[in-house]
Every structure is written in structure tokens, then in C-alpha cells.
Amino acid sequence: MKVPFDKLDKAFENRLRLQIMSVLMVNDRYDFNSLKELLDTTDGNLASHLKALEKEEYILVHKSFLGRKPNTTYESTEKGKKAFRMHLDALEQLIKQQKTK
């Protein structure tokens, strides 16, 4: 039986992008600083991976102000949720196939 590597989404090959999407799948929105703290990463690293997910149209970016302070939040799109579920399904199939060998 063919291993379903072609069903894996390259956007989620990076650990940080996988973590970001995991957080956004179970939360309506999450702000930049909370993501940075939760994922224990730097501003630049987080920003570049968020940009990659935004480019794929897997997340939406919302910019606002809380008082005078800028606040950026992120949410997953329907396209992103579907792609992430498909990626997880492919991983699950891969694991199941390896267990039967």
C-alpha cells in the first residue's frame, strides 16, 4: 500500500506552524504576544511563520489598538481548518500503515 506522503501539507512541515495551527484550531482568536509566550519563540521567528500561514490563506490577521497599544490577533480560516484536518488525517493514515507492517 502506498504511503500517503502526498497528502501531507508542506505548510505544516515546520514545527512552529504546526503548533500555531493547533492553537488556532481550538481558540477563536489568539494574540501575538500570547502565541509568542506559549510557543516560547522570538518575535521574528513567530512573525515569519505567521506570514507563511497568512500567505497560504490559512489564517486571518486582525490589527487593532487596546488604548494606545497595538494588538494583533490571528484566527484560522475555513481553508486553513480544512487543510489542517486533512494533514492530521494523512498523518494518522501514515501511522496506521506503519503499525500494520
Protein backbone atom coordinates (compact mmCIF):
# COMPACT_ATOMS: atom_id res chain seq x y z
CA MET A 1 0.00 0.00 0.00
CA LYS A 2 1.29 3.47 -0.91
CA VAL A 3 2.29 5.72 1.97
CA PRO A 4 0.18 8.94 1.80
CA PHE A 5 3.08 11.44 1.87
CA ASP A 6 1.43 13.35 -0.99
CA LYS A 7 -1.50 14.13 1.33
CA LEU A 8 0.75 15.94 3.82
CA ASP A 9 0.65 19.74 3.57
CA LYS A 10 4.09 21.35 3.25
CA ALA A 11 2.81 24.40 5.14
CA PHE A 12 2.68 22.26 8.29
CA GLU A 13 6.09 20.61 7.93
CA ASN A 14 7.58 23.17 10.28
CA ARG A 15 7.05 22.51 13.99
CA LEU A 16 6.14 26.12 14.78
CA ARG A 17 3.50 26.33 12.02
CA LEU A 18 2.03 23.05 13.24
CA GLN A 19 1.87 24.47 16.76
CA ILE A 20 0.33 27.77 15.60
CA MET A 21 -2.43 25.96 13.73
CA SER A 22 -3.03 23.63 16.67
CA VAL A 23 -3.59 26.65 18.91
CA LEU A 24 -5.84 28.40 16.38
CA MET A 25 -7.94 25.27 15.80
CA VAL A 26 -9.12 25.27 19.42
CA ASN A 27 -9.27 29.04 20.01
CA ASP A 28 -11.36 31.57 18.11
CA ARG A 29 -8.50 34.08 18.15
CA TYR A 30 -5.07 34.34 19.72
CA ASP A 31 -2.88 37.41 20.05
CA PHE A 32 0.76 37.68 19.00
CA ASN A 33 2.29 38.08 22.45
CA SER A 34 0.32 35.16 23.89
CA LEU A 35 1.39 32.96 20.97
CA LYS A 36 5.00 34.03 21.43
CA GLU A 37 4.92 33.18 25.12
CA LEU A 38 3.04 29.90 24.67
CA LEU A 39 5.31 28.67 21.87
CA ASP A 40 8.47 30.04 23.51
CA THR A 41 9.81 31.68 20.37
CA THR A 42 11.17 35.02 19.21
CA ASP A 43 9.21 37.85 17.59
CA GLY A 44 10.96 37.40 14.24
CA ASN A 45 10.59 33.63 14.13
CA LEU A 46 6.90 33.76 15.03
CA ALA A 47 6.22 36.61 12.59
CA SER A 48 7.82 34.77 9.67
CA HIS A 49 5.80 31.60 10.28
CA LEU A 50 2.57 33.55 10.75
CA LYS A 51 3.31 35.31 7.44
CA ALA A 52 3.77 31.92 5.72
CA LEU A 53 0.39 30.71 7.03
CA GLU A 54 -1.23 34.02 6.01
CA LYS A 55 0.23 33.68 2.50
CA GLU A 56 -1.42 30.24 2.20
CA GLU A 57 -4.68 31.90 3.36
CA TYR A 58 -4.78 29.53 6.35
CA ILE A 59 -5.04 32.35 8.90
CA LEU A 60 -6.52 35.84 9.11
CA VAL A 61 -4.73 38.75 10.77
CA HIS A 62 -6.65 41.36 12.77
CA LYS A 63 -4.88 44.56 13.82
CA SER A 64 -6.39 46.90 16.38
CA PHE A 65 -5.47 49.10 19.33
CA LEU A 66 -6.07 48.49 23.01
CA GLY A 67 -5.89 52.04 24.25
CA ARG A 68 -2.73 53.30 22.58
CA LYS A 69 -1.13 49.87 22.29
CA PRO A 70 -1.26 47.94 19.02
CA ASN A 71 -2.81 44.48 19.29
CA THR A 72 -2.59 41.83 16.57
CA THR A 73 -4.72 38.72 16.74
CA TYR A 74 -4.94 35.70 14.48
CA GLU A 75 -7.65 33.23 13.59
CA SER A 76 -7.75 30.20 11.33
CA THR A 77 -9.77 30.39 8.13
CA GLU A 78 -12.09 27.65 6.89
CA LYS A 79 -9.47 26.84 4.25
CA GLY A 80 -6.84 26.56 6.98
CA LYS A 81 -9.02 24.38 9.19
CA LYS A 82 -9.76 22.04 6.30
CA ALA A 83 -6.09 21.83 5.29
CA PHE A 84 -5.03 21.16 8.87
CA ARG A 85 -7.63 18.40 9.32
CA MET A 86 -6.51 16.79 6.05
CA HIS A 87 -2.89 16.98 7.20
CA LEU A 88 -3.74 15.31 10.51
CA ASP A 89 -5.77 12.64 8.71
CA ALA A 90 -2.79 11.90 6.45
CA LEU A 91 -0.50 11.60 9.48
CA GLU A 92 -2.98 9.25 11.11
CA GLN A 93 -3.14 7.09 7.97
CA LEU A 94 0.64 7.02 7.85
CA ILE A 95 0.84 5.86 11.47
CA LYS A 96 -1.81 3.20 10.93
CA GLN A 97 0.01 1.87 7.86
CA GLN A 98 3.28 1.66 9.76
CA LYS A 99 1.62 -0.24 12.64
CA THR A 100 0.36 -2.96 10.28
CA LYS A 101 3.81 -3.68 8.83
